[in-house]
């Protein structure tokens, strides 16, 4: 296995996602993003995991990063530096909804305190 290839981490992420193991999902996504930090899908998926773990502020940051990175991609595919292709249409269509939801959750939590 090539340690400079994020596709291995994304494959593990898919496995851990099917198993529902959030900690492992987070760890492999962080590893993948350390290798290839410009992947909007990776940031979006990390946002989802962090949201499920109730880390709302970091989740919001990841969703915003995903939105920013997606805006810089022409078409619906992000291609990493090794030629790996990642479909980002779902991110592009849904990231604003995720941002709004988490922002409201944060505001509600702050209002309760």
Foldseek 3Di string as FASTA:
>chain_A
DDQLDLVVLVVVLVVCVVVVPLVSNLVSLVSSCVNFVLALVSLQVNLVSCVVVVVLVSSLVSLVSSQVSVVVDPDQWDQTPVGDIDGRPCSNVCSVVVNVVSVVVVVVVVVVD
